[in-house]
Amino acid sequence: MRQYFIAMPKDLEEAAMIDGCSRMRTFFEIMLPMAKPALASLTIFTFLTTWNDFFNPLIFINNRNLMTLPLALSLFTDEAGTAWNLLMSASVMVTLPLLLVFFFAQKQFIQGIAMTGLKE
């Protein structure tokens, strides 16, 4: 986000100041709407990181009823072996929400990636 806001032209902010906008109004009405693709990309990456997190829930959660899905996938392996058919079907079920989030936010995600490569 820092790089995205640094890459924004200062002329837009200066023009808003000349038109009488305060710093807060300039940010919320001009800069923030322009940053929607970057915010969408950040949201997707944050969601993916949080969804796939394994070690933090492993450390903090003691109750089996509160386990996150990646942590619950580890329960398919025990001393007797791994139930591969159940593990694979559960993995598909855990992956589906990630795919849905990506497909619904794909346009914003692609715009965010494309805007990071532009140079002034």
PDB file of N, CA and C in Angstrom:
ATOM      1  N   MET A   1       0.835  -1.188   0.000  1.00  0.00           N
ATOM      2  CA  MET A   1       0.000   0.000   0.000  1.00  0.00           C
ATOM      3  C   MET A   1       0.880   1.252   0.000  1.00  0.00           C
ATOM      4  N   ARG A   2       1.974   1.182   0.746  1.00  0.00           N
ATOM      5  CA  ARG A   2       2.878   2.328   0.808  1.00  0.00           C
ATOM      6  C   ARG A   2       3.389   2.680  -0.587  1.00  0.00           C
ATOM      7  N   GLN A   3       3.847   1.684  -1.312  1.00  0.00           N
ATOM      8  CA  GLN A   3       4.373   1.921  -2.651  1.00  0.00           C
ATOM      9  C   GLN A   3       3.290   2.432  -3.589  1.00  0.00           C
ATOM     10  N   TYR A   4       2.080   1.945  -3.419  1.00  0.00           N
ATOM     11  CA  TYR A   4       0.985   2.389  -4.279  1.00  0.00           C
ATOM     12  C   TYR A   4       0.715   3.873  -4.056  1.00  0.00           C
ATOM     13  N   PHE A   5       0.661   4.297  -2.796  1.00  0.00           N
ATOM     14  CA  PHE A   5       0.386   5.703  -2.522  1.00  0.00           C
ATOM     15  C   PHE A   5       1.572   6.593  -2.865  1.00  0.00           C
ATOM     16  N   ILE A   6       2.784   6.079  -2.766  1.00  0.00           N
ATOM     17  CA  ILE A   6       3.957   6.868  -3.172  1.00  0.00           C
ATOM     18  C   ILE A   6       3.948   7.082  -4.689  1.00  0.00           C
ATOM     19  N   ALA A   7       3.492   6.059  -5.441  1.00  0.00           N
ATOM     20  CA  ALA A   7       3.485   6.154  -6.902  1.00  0.00           C
ATOM     21  C   ALA A   7       2.371   7.051  -7.436  1.00  0.00           C
ATOM     22  N   MET A   8       1.380   7.391  -6.612  1.00  0.00           N
ATOM     23  CA  MET A   8       0.300   8.271  -7.076  1.00  0.00           C
ATOM     24  C   MET A   8       0.845   9.670  -7.340  1.00  0.00           C
ATOM     25  N   PRO A   9       0.368  10.305  -8.397  1.00  0.00           N
ATOM     26  CA  PRO A   9       0.868  11.643  -8.720  1.00  0.00           C
ATOM     27  C   PRO A   9       0.492  12.665  -7.640  1.00  0.00           C
ATOM     28  N   LYS A  10       1.453  13.474  -7.279  1.00  0.00           N
ATOM     29  CA  LYS A  10       1.219  14.528  -6.280  1.00  0.00           C
ATOM     30  C   LYS A  10       0.309  15.625  -6.837  1.00  0.00           C
ATOM     31  N   ASP A  11       0.223  15.718  -8.152  1.00  0.00           N
ATOM     32  CA  ASP A  11      -0.607  16.742  -8.787  1.00  0.00           C
ATOM     33  C   ASP A  11      -2.075  16.607  -8.394  1.00  0.00           C
ATOM     34  N   LEU A  12      -2.548  15.379  -8.227  1.00  0.00           N
ATOM     35  CA  LEU A  12      -3.942  15.171  -7.826  1.00  0.00           C
ATOM     36  C   LEU A  12      -4.199  15.745  -6.439  1.00  0.00           C
ATOM     37  N   GLU A  13      -3.283  15.498  -5.530  1.00  0.00           N
ATOM     38  CA  GLU A  13      -3.442  16.015  -4.175  1.00  0.00           C
ATOM     39  C   GLU A  13      -3.347  17.541  -4.156  1.00  0.00           C
ATOM     40  N   GLU A  14      -2.412  18.063  -4.921  1.00  0.00           N
ATOM     41  CA  GLU A  14      -2.268  19.519  -4.971  1.00  0.00           C
ATOM     42  C   GLU A  14      -3.492  20.178  -5.604  1.00  0.00           C
ATOM     43  N   ALA A  15      -4.045  19.575  -6.644  1.00  0.00           N
ATOM     44  CA  ALA A  15      -5.238  20.127  -7.287  1.00  0.00           C
ATOM     45  C   ALA A  15      -6.418  20.118  -6.326  1.00  0.00           C
ATOM     46  N   ALA A  16      -6.540  19.079  -5.531  1.00  0.00           N
ATOM     47  CA  ALA A  16      -7.616  19.022  -4.544  1.00  0.00           C
ATOM     48  C   ALA A  16      -7.433  20.090  -3.479  1.00  0.00           C
ATOM     49  N   MET A  17      -6.198  20.330  -3.070  1.00  0.00           N
ATOM     50  CA  MET A  17      -5.930  21.374  -2.069  1.00  0.00           C
ATOM     51  C   MET A  17      -6.282  22.754  -2.628  1.00  0.00           C
ATOM     52  N   ILE A  18      -5.952  22.982  -3.890  1.00  0.00           N
ATOM     53  CA  ILE A  18      -6.275  24.261  -4.520  1.00  0.00           C
ATOM     54  C   ILE A  18      -7.795  24.446  -4.608  1.00  0.00           C
ATOM     55  N   ASP A  19      -8.519  23.356  -4.839  1.00  0.00           N
ATOM     56  CA  ASP A  19      -9.987  23.417  -4.912  1.00  0.00           C
ATOM     57  C   ASP A  19     -10.643  23.535  -3.549  1.00  0.00           C
ATOM     58  N   GLY A  20      -9.858  23.485  -2.486  1.00  0.00           N
ATOM     59  CA  GLY A  20     -10.399  23.704  -1.154  1.00  0.00           C
ATOM     60  C   GLY A  20     -10.633  22.454  -0.331  1.00  0.00           C
ATOM     61  N   CYS A  21     -10.140  21.325  -0.745  1.00  0.00           N
ATOM     62  CA  CYS A  21     -10.307  20.088   0.032  1.00  0.00           C
ATOM     63  C   CYS A  21      -9.309  20.043   1.180  1.00  0.00           C
ATOM     64  N   SER A  22      -9.757  19.526   2.298  1.00  0.00           N
ATOM     65  CA  SER A  22      -8.835  19.290   3.407  1.00  0.00           C
ATOM     66  C   SER A  22      -8.056  18.007   3.118  1.00  0.00           C
ATOM     67  N   ARG A  23      -7.069  17.731   3.948  1.00  0.00           N
ATOM     68  CA  ARG A  23      -6.275  16.514   3.752  1.00  0.00           C
ATOM     69  C   ARG A  23      -7.137  15.254   3.883  1.00  0.00           C
ATOM     70  N   MET A  24      -8.029  15.246   4.863  1.00  0.00           N
ATOM     71  CA  MET A  24      -8.889  14.078   5.077  1.00  0.00           C
ATOM     72  C   MET A  24      -9.848  13.880   3.902  1.00  0.00           C
ATOM     73  N   ARG A  25     -10.444  14.959   3.436  1.00  0.00           N
ATOM     74  CA  ARG A  25     -11.382  14.856   2.311  1.00  0.00           C
ATOM     75  C   ARG A  25     -10.642  14.432   1.049  1.00  0.00           C
ATOM     76  N   THR A  26      -9.440  14.944   0.845  1.00  0.00           N
ATOM     77  CA  THR A  26      -8.629  14.541  -0.306  1.00  0.00           C
ATOM     78  C   THR A  26      -8.341  13.044  -0.257  1.00  0.00           C
ATOM     79  N   PHE A  27      -7.998  12.568   0.933  1.00  0.00           N
ATOM     80  CA  PHE A  27      -7.694  11.146   1.073  1.00  0.00           C
ATOM     81  C   PHE A  27      -8.928  10.283   0.805  1.00  0.00           C
ATOM     82  N   PHE A  28     -10.065  10.616   1.439  1.00  0.00           N
ATOM     83  CA  PHE A  28     -11.244   9.768   1.337  1.00  0.00           C
ATOM     84  C   PHE A  28     -11.979   9.883   0.005  1.00  0.00           C
ATOM     85  N   GLU A  29     -11.910  11.024  -0.659  1.00  0.00           N
ATOM     86  CA  GLU A  29     -12.678  11.205  -1.886  1.00  0.00           C
ATOM     87  C   GLU A  29     -11.857  11.096  -3.166  1.00  0.00           C
ATOM     88  N   ILE A  30     -10.550  11.209  -3.054  1.00  0.00           N
ATOM     89  CA  ILE A  30      -9.731  11.150  -4.271  1.00  0.00           C
ATOM     90  C   ILE A  30      -8.746   9.985  -4.227  1.00  0.00           C
ATOM     91  N   MET A  31      -7.936   9.949  -3.182  1.00  0.00           N
ATOM     92  CA  MET A  31      -6.876   8.946  -3.127  1.00  0.00           C
ATOM     93  C   MET A  31      -7.407   7.533  -2.849  1.00  0.00           C
ATOM     94  N   LEU A  32      -8.307   7.399  -1.900  1.00  0.00           N
ATOM     95  CA  LEU A  32      -8.814   6.077  -1.535  1.00  0.00           C
ATOM     96  C   LEU A  32      -9.606   5.406  -2.660  1.00  0.00           C
ATOM     97  N   PRO A  33     -10.497   6.120  -3.379  1.00  0.00           N
ATOM     98  CA  PRO A  33     -11.162   5.459  -4.512  1.00  0.00           C
ATOM     99  C   PRO A  33     -10.196   5.012  -5.612  1.00  0.00           C
ATOM    100  N   MET A  34      -9.107   5.734  -5.786  1.00  0.00           N
ATOM    101  CA  MET A  34      -8.119   5.326  -6.775  1.00  0.00           C
ATOM    102  C   MET A  34      -7.343   4.088  -6.324  1.00  0.00           C
ATOM    103  N   ALA A  35      -7.328   3.828  -5.032  1.00  0.00           N
ATOM    104  CA  ALA A  35      -6.559   2.709  -4.491  1.00  0.00           C
ATOM    105  C   ALA A  35      -7.381   1.426  -4.359  1.00  0.00           C
ATOM    106  N   LYS A  36      -8.584   1.381  -4.932  1.00  0.00           N
ATOM    107  CA  LYS A  36      -9.424   0.188  -4.818  1.00  0.00           C
ATOM    108  C   LYS A  36      -8.744  -1.085  -5.327  1.00  0.00           C
ATOM    109  N   PRO A  37      -8.061  -1.062  -6.471  1.00  0.00           N
ATOM    110  CA  PRO A  37      -7.388  -2.297  -6.905  1.00  0.00           C
ATOM    111  C   PRO A  37      -6.310  -2.764  -5.921  1.00  0.00           C
ATOM    112  N   ALA A  38      -5.554  -1.826  -5.384  1.00  0.00           N
ATOM    113  CA  ALA A  38      -4.521  -2.209  -4.414  1.00  0.00           C
ATOM    114  C   ALA A  38      -5.148  -2.728  -3.126  1.00  0.00           C
ATOM    115  N   LEU A  39      -6.237  -2.117  -2.700  1.00  0.00           N
ATOM    116  CA  LEU A  39      -6.930  -2.600  -1.502  1.00  0.00           C
ATOM    117  C   LEU A  39      -7.523  -3.992  -1.722  1.00  0.00           C
ATOM    118  N   ALA A  40      -8.033  -4.243  -2.920  1.00  0.00           N
ATOM    119  CA  ALA A  40      -8.569  -5.569  -3.229  1.00  0.00           C
ATOM    120  C   ALA A  40      -7.462  -6.619  -3.210  1.00  0.00           C
ATOM    121  N   SER A  41      -6.319  -6.291  -3.787  1.00  0.00           N
ATOM    122  CA  SER A  41      -5.188  -7.223  -3.761  1.00  0.00           C
ATOM    123  C   SER A  41      -4.730  -7.484  -2.337  1.00  0.00           C
ATOM    124  N   LEU A  42      -4.639  -6.436  -1.550  1.00  0.00           N
ATOM    125  CA  LEU A  42      -4.238  -6.593  -0.150  1.00  0.00           C
ATOM    126  C   LEU A  42      -5.249  -7.446   0.615  1.00  0.00           C
ATOM    127  N   THR A  43      -6.526  -7.241   0.352  1.00  0.00           N
ATOM    128  CA  THR A  43      -7.562  -8.025   1.016  1.00  0.00           C
ATOM    129  C   THR A  43      -7.463  -9.504   0.652  1.00  0.00           C
ATOM    130  N   ILE A  44      -7.240  -9.789  -0.620  1.00  0.00           N
ATOM    131  CA  ILE A  44      -7.119 -11.181  -1.049  1.00  0.00           C
ATOM    132  C   ILE A  44      -5.907 -11.838  -0.417  1.00  0.00           C
ATOM    133  N   PHE A  45      -4.763 -11.168  -0.444  1.00  0.00           N
ATOM    134  CA  PHE A  45      -3.550 -11.750   0.138  1.00  0.00           C
ATOM    135  C   PHE A  45      -3.684 -11.948   1.640  1.00  0.00           C
ATOM    136  N   THR A  46      -4.313 -10.996   2.328  1.00  0.00           N
ATOM    137  CA  THR A  46      -4.514 -11.131   3.764  1.00  0.00           C
ATOM    138  C   THR A  46      -5.462 -12.277   4.074  1.00  0.00           C
ATOM    139  N   PHE A  47      -6.537 -12.397   3.297  1.00  0.00           N
ATOM    140  CA  PHE A  47      -7.478 -13.495   3.497  1.00  0.00           C
ATOM    141  C   PHE A  47      -6.797 -14.839   3.280  1.00  0.00           C
ATOM    142  N   LEU A  48      -6.017 -14.961   2.205  1.00  0.00           N
ATOM    143  CA  LEU A  48      -5.321 -16.216   1.927  1.00  0.00           C
ATOM    144  C   LEU A  48      -4.329 -16.570   3.026  1.00  0.00           C
ATOM    145  N   THR A  49      -3.589 -15.598   3.495  1.00  0.00           N
ATOM    146  CA  THR A  49      -2.615 -15.841   4.559  1.00  0.00           C
ATOM    147  C   THR A  49      -3.306 -16.283   5.837  1.00  0.00           C
ATOM    148  N   THR A  50      -4.377 -15.619   6.195  1.00  0.00           N
ATOM    149  CA  THR A  50      -5.095 -15.965   7.420  1.00  0.00           C
ATOM    150  C   THR A  50      -5.783 -17.321   7.284  1.00  0.00           C
ATOM    151  N   TRP A  51      -6.371 -17.579   6.132  1.00  0.00           N
ATOM    152  CA  TRP A  51      -7.088 -18.841   5.922  1.00  0.00           C
ATOM    153  C   TRP A  51      -6.128 -20.031   5.996  1.00  0.00           C
ATOM    154  N   ASN A  52      -4.928 -19.882   5.436  1.00  0.00           N
ATOM    155  CA  ASN A  52      -3.980 -20.986   5.370  1.00  0.00           C
ATOM    156  C   ASN A  52      -3.064 -21.082   6.587  1.00  0.00           C
ATOM    157  N   ASP A  53      -3.231 -20.202   7.548  1.00  0.00           N
ATOM    158  CA  ASP A  53      -2.360 -20.203   8.711  1.00  0.00           C
ATOM    159  C   ASP A  53      -2.516 -21.506   9.498  1.00  0.00           C
ATOM    160  N   PHE A  54      -1.402 -22.138   9.796  1.00  0.00           N
ATOM    161  CA  PHE A  54      -1.433 -23.409  10.512  1.00  0.00           C
ATOM    162  C   PHE A  54      -0.836 -23.286  11.913  1.00  0.00           C
ATOM    163  N   PHE A  55       0.311 -22.602  12.024  1.00  0.00           N
ATOM    164  CA  PHE A  55       1.042 -22.621  13.291  1.00  0.00           C
ATOM    165  C   PHE A  55       0.407 -21.788  14.394  1.00  0.00           C
ATOM    166  N   ASN A  56      -0.133 -20.615  14.086  1.00  0.00           N
ATOM    167  CA  ASN A  56      -0.762 -19.815  15.142  1.00  0.00           C
ATOM    168  C   ASN A  56      -1.960 -20.518  15.771  1.00  0.00           C
ATOM    169  N   PRO A  57      -2.891 -21.069  14.983  1.00  0.00           N
ATOM    170  CA  PRO A  57      -3.970 -21.825  15.628  1.00  0.00           C
ATOM    171  C   PRO A  57      -3.466 -23.056  16.369  1.00  0.00           C
ATOM    172  N   LEU A  58      -2.420 -23.678  15.852  1.00  0.00           N
ATOM    173  CA  LEU A  58      -1.852 -24.847  16.520  1.00  0.00           C
ATOM    174  C   LEU A  58      -1.333 -24.484  17.902  1.00  0.00           C
ATOM    175  N   ILE A  59      -0.782 -23.296  18.030  1.00  0.00           N
ATOM    176  CA  ILE A  59      -0.237 -22.850  19.317  1.00  0.00           C
ATOM    177  C   ILE A  59      -1.348 -22.423  20.272  1.00  0.00           C
ATOM    178  N   PHE A  60      -2.336 -21.697  19.770  1.00  0.00           N
ATOM    179  CA  PHE A  60      -3.298 -21.046  20.647  1.00  0.00           C
ATOM    180  C   PHE A  60      -4.573 -21.838  20.922  1.00  0.00           C
ATOM    181  N   ILE A  61      -4.959 -22.745  20.049  1.00  0.00           N
ATOM    182  CA  ILE A  61      -6.243 -23.430  20.208  1.00  0.00           C
ATOM    183  C   ILE A  61      -6.035 -24.765  20.911  1.00  0.00           C
ATOM    184  N   ASN A  62      -6.749 -24.965  21.998  1.00  0.00           N
ATOM    185  CA  ASN A  62      -6.668 -26.213  22.751  1.00  0.00           C
ATOM    186  C   ASN A  62      -7.900 -27.087  22.545  1.00  0.00           C
ATOM    187  N   ASN A  63      -8.992 -26.519  22.114  1.00  0.00           N
ATOM    188  CA  ASN A  63     -10.252 -27.220  21.976  1.00  0.00           C
ATOM    189  C   ASN A  63     -10.430 -27.710  20.536  1.00  0.00           C
ATOM    190  N   ARG A  64     -10.768 -28.967  20.349  1.00  0.00           N
ATOM    191  CA  ARG A  64     -10.950 -29.513  19.000  1.00  0.00           C
ATOM    192  C   ARG A  64     -12.131 -28.879  18.281  1.00  0.00           C
ATOM    193  N   ASN A  65     -13.116 -28.382  19.001  1.00  0.00           N
ATOM    194  CA  ASN A  65     -14.279 -27.750  18.379  1.00  0.00           C
ATOM    195  C   ASN A  65     -13.951 -26.387  17.777  1.00  0.00           C
ATOM    196  N   LEU A  66     -12.856 -25.786  18.172  1.00  0.00           N
ATOM    197  CA  LEU A  66     -12.477 -24.457  17.689  1.00  0.00           C
ATOM    198  C   LEU A  66     -11.399 -24.492  16.607  1.00  0.00           C
ATOM    199  N   MET A  67     -11.001 -25.670  16.172  1.00  0.00           N
ATOM    200  CA  MET A  67      -9.911 -25.786  15.195  1.00  0.00           C
ATOM    201  C   MET A  67     -10.274 -25.123  13.870  1.00  0.00           C
ATOM    202  N   THR A  68      -9.270 -24.534  13.264  1.00  0.00           N
ATOM    203  CA  THR A  68      -9.439 -23.990  11.925  1.00  0.00           C
ATOM    204  C   THR A  68      -9.373 -25.139  10.923  1.00  0.00           C
ATOM    205  N   LEU A  69      -9.780 -24.882   9.695  1.00  0.00           N
ATOM    206  CA  LEU A  69      -9.827 -25.959   8.699  1.00  0.00           C
ATOM    207  C   LEU A  69      -8.450 -26.529   8.359  1.00  0.00           C
ATOM    208  N   PRO A  70      -7.420 -25.713   8.145  1.00  0.00           N
ATOM    209  CA  PRO A  70      -6.104 -26.312   7.889  1.00  0.00           C
ATOM    210  C   PRO A  70      -5.614 -27.171   9.061  1.00  0.00           C
ATOM    211  N   LEU A  71      -5.928 -26.760  10.253  1.00  0.00           N
ATOM    212  CA  LEU A  71      -5.544 -27.545  11.423  1.00  0.00           C
ATOM    213  C   LEU A  71      -6.352 -28.837  11.506  1.00  0.00           C
ATOM    214  N   ALA A  72      -7.609 -28.771  11.137  1.00  0.00           N
ATOM    215  CA  ALA A  72      -8.458 -29.957  11.154  1.00  0.00           C
ATOM    216  C   ALA A  72      -8.023 -30.976  10.094  1.00  0.00           C
ATOM    217  N   LEU A  73      -7.411 -30.513   9.007  1.00  0.00           N
ATOM    218  CA  LEU A  73      -6.920 -31.440   7.988  1.00  0.00           C
ATOM    219  C   LEU A  73      -5.831 -32.355   8.541  1.00  0.00           C
ATOM    220  N   SER A  74      -5.103 -31.866   9.514  1.00  0.00           N
ATOM    221  CA  SER A  74      -4.040 -32.697  10.100  1.00  0.00           C
ATOM    222  C   SER A  74      -4.610 -33.861  10.907  1.00  0.00           C
ATOM    223  N   LEU A  75      -5.883 -33.823  11.248  1.00  0.00           N
ATOM    224  CA  LEU A  75      -6.499 -34.910  12.005  1.00  0.00           C
ATOM    225  C   LEU A  75      -6.730 -36.155  11.145  1.00  0.00           C
ATOM    226  N   PHE A  76      -6.601 -36.053   9.827  1.00  0.00           N
ATOM    227  CA  PHE A  76      -6.777 -37.211   8.962  1.00  0.00           C
ATOM    228  C   PHE A  76      -5.571 -38.142   8.988  1.00  0.00           C
ATOM    229  N   THR A  77      -4.500 -37.718   9.640  1.00  0.00           N
ATOM    230  CA  THR A  77      -3.315 -38.553   9.777  1.00  0.00           C
ATOM    231  C   THR A  77      -3.182 -38.965  11.237  1.00  0.00           C
ATOM    232  N   ASP A  78      -3.013 -40.250  11.467  1.00  0.00           N
ATOM    233  CA  ASP A  78      -2.811 -40.743  12.821  1.00  0.00           C
ATOM    234  C   ASP A  78      -1.777 -41.864  12.806  1.00  0.00           C
ATOM    235  N   GLU A  79      -1.660 -42.590  13.909  1.00  0.00           N
ATOM    236  CA  GLU A  79      -0.653 -43.640  14.015  1.00  0.00           C
ATOM    237  C   GLU A  79      -0.895 -44.774  13.027  1.00  0.00           C
ATOM    238  N   ALA A  80      -2.149 -45.013  12.686  1.00  0.00           N
ATOM    239  CA  ALA A  80      -2.493 -46.113  11.786  1.00  0.00           C
ATOM    240  C   ALA A  80      -2.208 -45.774  10.330  1.00  0.00           C
ATOM    241  N   GLY A  81      -2.034 -44.502  10.012  1.00  0.00           N
ATOM    242  CA  GLY A  81      -1.774 -44.096   8.633  1.00  0.00           C
ATOM    243  C   GLY A  81      -2.625 -42.898   8.254  1.00  0.00           C
ATOM    244  N   THR A  82      -2.714 -42.681   6.969  1.00  0.00           N
ATOM    245  CA  THR A  82      -3.461 -41.541   6.457  1.00  0.00           C
ATOM    246  C   THR A  82      -4.639 -42.032   5.629  1.00  0.00           C
ATOM    247  N   ALA A  83      -5.792 -41.483   5.905  1.00  0.00           N
ATOM    248  CA  ALA A  83      -6.974 -41.781   5.095  1.00  0.00           C
ATOM    249  C   ALA A  83      -6.952 -40.836   3.900  1.00  0.00           C
ATOM    250  N   TRP A  84      -6.248 -41.266   2.833  1.00  0.00           N
ATOM    251  CA  TRP A  84      -5.993 -40.380   1.707  1.00  0.00           C
ATOM    252  C   TRP A  84      -7.273 -39.948   1.009  1.00  0.00           C
ATOM    253  N   ASN A  85      -8.228 -40.853   0.867  1.00  0.00           N
ATOM    254  CA  ASN A  85      -9.458 -40.473   0.174  1.00  0.00           C
ATOM    255  C   ASN A  85     -10.208 -39.393   0.949  1.00  0.00           C
ATOM    256  N   LEU A  86     -10.264 -39.509   2.258  1.00  0.00           N
ATOM    257  CA  LEU A  86     -10.939 -38.492   3.068  1.00  0.00           C
ATOM    258  C   LEU A  86     -10.146 -37.189   3.102  1.00  0.00           C
ATOM    259  N   LEU A  87      -8.827 -37.312   3.188  1.00  0.00           N
ATOM    260  CA  LEU A  87      -7.970 -36.123   3.222  1.00  0.00           C
ATOM    261  C   LEU A  87      -8.081 -35.315   1.931  1.00  0.00           C
ATOM    262  N   MET A  88      -8.095 -35.984   0.796  1.00  0.00           N
ATOM    263  CA  MET A  88      -8.180 -35.282  -0.487  1.00  0.00           C
ATOM    264  C   MET A  88      -9.548 -34.620  -0.675  1.00  0.00           C
ATOM    265  N   SER A  89     -10.606 -35.300  -0.295  1.00  0.00           N
ATOM    266  CA  SER A  89     -11.926 -34.680  -0.434  1.00  0.00           C
ATOM    267  C   SER A  89     -12.079 -33.502   0.530  1.00  0.00           C
ATOM    268  N   ALA A  90     -11.540 -33.622   1.731  1.00  0.00           N
ATOM    269  CA  ALA A  90     -11.576 -32.495   2.676  1.00  0.00           C
ATOM    270  C   ALA A  90     -10.724 -31.336   2.170  1.00  0.00           C
ATOM    271  N   SER A  91      -9.611 -31.624   1.526  1.00  0.00           N
ATOM    272  CA  SER A  91      -8.755 -30.564   0.972  1.00  0.00           C
ATOM    273  C   SER A  91      -9.471 -29.784  -0.118  1.00  0.00           C
ATOM    274  N   VAL A  92     -10.235 -30.482  -0.930  1.00  0.00           N
ATOM    275  CA  VAL A  92     -11.017 -29.796  -1.970  1.00  0.00           C
ATOM    276  C   VAL A  92     -12.056 -28.887  -1.327  1.00  0.00           C
ATOM    277  N   MET A  93     -12.712 -29.377  -0.297  1.00  0.00           N
ATOM    278  CA  MET A  93     -13.733 -28.582   0.392  1.00  0.00           C
ATOM    279  C   MET A  93     -13.124 -27.340   1.061  1.00  0.00           C
ATOM    280  N   VAL A  94     -11.916 -27.474   1.584  1.00  0.00           N
ATOM    281  CA  VAL A  94     -11.234 -26.342   2.229  1.00  0.00           C
ATOM    282  C   VAL A  94     -10.778 -25.331   1.185  1.00  0.00           C
ATOM    283  N   THR A  95     -10.459 -25.787  -0.017  1.00  0.00           N
ATOM    284  CA  THR A  95      -9.965 -24.908  -1.070  1.00  0.00           C
ATOM    285  C   THR A  95     -11.086 -24.141  -1.768  1.00  0.00           C
ATOM    286  N   LEU A  96     -12.292 -24.651  -1.772  1.00  0.00           N
ATOM    287  CA  LEU A  96     -13.400 -24.007  -2.482  1.00  0.00           C
ATOM    288  C   LEU A  96     -13.657 -22.560  -2.061  1.00  0.00           C
ATOM    289  N   PRO A  97     -13.696 -22.208  -0.764  1.00  0.00           N
ATOM    290  CA  PRO A  97     -13.908 -20.795  -0.423  1.00  0.00           C
ATOM    291  C   PRO A  97     -12.803 -19.874  -0.947  1.00  0.00           C
ATOM    292  N   LEU A  98     -11.572 -20.373  -0.993  1.00  0.00           N
ATOM    293  CA  LEU A  98     -10.481 -19.568  -1.541  1.00  0.00           C
ATOM    294  C   LEU A  98     -10.691 -19.298  -3.028  1.00  0.00           C
ATOM    295  N   LEU A  99     -11.110 -20.300  -3.747  1.00  0.00           N
ATOM    296  CA  LEU A  99     -11.372 -20.116  -5.171  1.00  0.00           C
ATOM    297  C   LEU A  99     -12.540 -19.162  -5.411  1.00  0.00           C
ATOM    298  N   LEU A 100     -13.566 -19.259  -4.605  1.00  0.00           N
ATOM    299  CA  LEU A 100     -14.704 -18.348  -4.740  1.00  0.00           C
ATOM    300  C   LEU A 100     -14.299 -16.899  -4.487  1.00  0.00           C
ATOM    301  N   VAL A 101     -13.506 -16.673  -3.451  1.00  0.00           N
ATOM    302  CA  VAL A 101     -13.036 -15.310  -3.162  1.00  0.00           C
ATOM    303  C   VAL A 101     -12.206 -14.785  -4.325  1.00  0.00           C
ATOM    304  N   PHE A 102     -11.337 -15.626  -4.856  1.00  0.00           N
ATOM    305  CA  PHE A 102     -10.501 -15.174  -5.962  1.00  0.00           C
ATOM    306  C   PHE A 102     -11.338 -14.862  -7.200  1.00  0.00           C
ATOM    307  N   PHE A 103     -12.284 -15.723  -7.562  1.00  0.00           N
ATOM    308  CA  PHE A 103     -13.076 -15.485  -8.767  1.00  0.00           C
ATOM    309  C   PHE A 103     -13.966 -14.256  -8.639  1.00  0.00           C
ATOM    310  N   PHE A 104     -14.484 -13.990  -7.449  1.00  0.00           N
ATOM    311  CA  PHE A 104     -15.318 -12.801  -7.278  1.00  0.00           C
ATOM    312  C   PHE A 104     -14.493 -11.516  -7.275  1.00  0.00           C
ATOM    313  N   ALA A 105     -13.237 -11.599  -6.870  1.00  0.00           N
ATOM    314  CA  ALA A 105     -12.394 -10.408  -6.797  1.00  0.00           C
ATOM    315  C   ALA A 105     -11.323 -10.392  -7.883  1.00  0.00           C
ATOM    316  N   GLN A 106     -11.453 -11.236  -8.891  1.00  0.00           N
ATOM    317  CA  GLN A 106     -10.421 -11.383  -9.907  1.00  0.00           C
ATOM    318  C   GLN A 106     -10.165 -10.083 -10.666  1.00  0.00           C
ATOM    319  N   LYS A 107     -11.192  -9.358 -11.035  1.00  0.00           N
ATOM    320  CA  LYS A 107     -11.023  -8.125 -11.805  1.00  0.00           C
ATOM    321  C   LYS A 107     -10.206  -7.102 -11.010  1.00  0.00           C
ATOM    322  N   GLN A 108     -10.576  -6.898  -9.758  1.00  0.00           N
ATOM    323  CA  GLN A 108      -9.841  -5.957  -8.917  1.00  0.00           C
ATOM    324  C   GLN A 108      -8.413  -6.445  -8.669  1.00  0.00           C
ATOM    325  N   PHE A 109      -8.250  -7.737  -8.495  1.00  0.00           N
ATOM    326  CA  PHE A 109      -6.931  -8.310  -8.250  1.00  0.00           C
ATOM    327  C   PHE A 109      -6.008  -8.076  -9.441  1.00  0.00           C
ATOM    328  N   ILE A 110      -6.485  -8.333 -10.641  1.00  0.00           N
ATOM    329  CA  ILE A 110      -5.685  -8.139 -11.853  1.00  0.00           C
ATOM    330  C   ILE A 110      -5.348  -6.662 -12.040  1.00  0.00           C
ATOM    331  N   GLN A 111      -6.307  -5.765 -11.774  1.00  0.00           N
ATOM    332  CA  GLN A 111      -6.027  -4.326 -11.864  1.00  0.00           C
ATOM    333  C   GLN A 111      -4.961  -3.914 -10.862  1.00  0.00           C
ATOM    334  N   GLY A 112      -5.019  -4.451  -9.644  1.00  0.00           N
ATOM    335  CA  GLY A 112      -4.036  -4.124  -8.622  1.00  0.00           C
ATOM    336  C   GLY A 112      -2.641  -4.577  -9.011  1.00  0.00           C
ATOM    337  N   ILE A 113      -2.530  -5.763  -9.575  1.00  0.00           N
ATOM    338  CA  ILE A 113      -1.235  -6.267 -10.020  1.00  0.00           C
ATOM    339  C   ILE A 113      -0.711  -5.445 -11.196  1.00  0.00           C
ATOM    340  N   ALA A 114      -1.602  -5.086 -12.108  1.00  0.00           N
ATOM    341  CA  ALA A 114      -1.188  -4.308 -13.279  1.00  0.00           C
ATOM    342  C   ALA A 114      -0.742  -2.900 -12.892  1.00  0.00           C
ATOM    343  N   MET A 115      -1.409  -2.310 -11.884  1.00  0.00           N
ATOM    344  CA  MET A 115      -1.056  -0.942 -11.490  1.00  0.00           C
ATOM    345  C   MET A 115       0.286  -0.879 -10.767  1.00  0.00           C
ATOM    346  N   THR A 116       0.701  -1.971 -10.130  1.00  0.00           N
ATOM    347  CA  THR A 116       1.983  -1.931  -9.399  1.00  0.00           C
ATOM    348  C   THR A 116       3.165  -1.903 -10.348  1.00  0.00           C
ATOM    349  N   GLY A 117       2.991  -2.325 -11.581  1.00  0.00           N
ATOM    350  CA  GLY A 117       4.093  -2.336 -12.521  1.00  0.00           C
ATOM    351  C   GLY A 117       4.222  -1.076 -13.352  1.00  0.00           C
ATOM    352  N   LEU A 118       3.307  -0.125 -13.207  1.00  0.00           N
ATOM    353  CA  LEU A 118       3.353   1.094 -14.001  1.00  0.00           C
ATOM    354  C   LEU A 118       4.385   2.062 -13.467  1.00  0.00           C
ATOM    355  N   LYS A 119       5.040   2.761 -14.364  1.00  0.00           N
ATOM    356  CA  LYS A 119       6.014   3.785 -13.973  1.00  0.00           C
ATOM    357  C   LYS A 119       5.569   5.120 -14.518  1.00  0.00           C
ATOM    358  N   GLU A 120       5.867   6.149 -13.790  1.00  0.00           N
ATOM    359  CA  GLU A 120       5.505   7.510 -14.196  1.00  0.00           C
ATOM    360  C   GLU A 120       6.591   8.100 -15.058  1.00  0.00           C
TER     361      GLU A 120
END
